[in-house]
Amino acid sequence: FIDTIPHEVNVVDFLPYLSKGLSDVNDVQMMCHQIVSQLCSWAPVIILANVSTLLNPLTTAINKTVKEKKNTDVDRTNDVIRSAVRALFTIAAIPEASQEPSIQDLCDRIQAKPHIAAMLEAENLIRKR
């Protein structure tokens, strides 16, 4: 919707709903991750001004525990983690984000986790400063 009617969206008013969606069920979270990525190019200043409301649910999604039950559950959890990492890296790619220590710290911490680093390397998502 942001691509088709960006002038109709008040991003500041929309962010609380987006933040709530980032903590919802997996399918909703992944849609919200895509919206975050779109907003980074459309309204980067607003995203950075409100980054604290986005980082907590992204961190929770990235730190999900992968339970070895069924392959589909494992795959689905990994999909959510990858989606959240992509959204985080899109935020981190905003030029002014380099001055926000919480973003840089989170990126560094998640890349230091072996299972996430392996996932990122497999998908060529390694973030370079």
Foldseek 3Di string as FASTA:
>chain_A
DCVPCVVVDDVVVCVVVLLVQLQDDLVSVLVSLVVLLVCCVVPLVSCVVVVVSNVVSLLVLLPDDQDPDDPVSNVSSLVSNVSSLVSLVSNCPNVVNVVPVVSVVSLVVSCPDVVSVVVCVVVVNNDDD
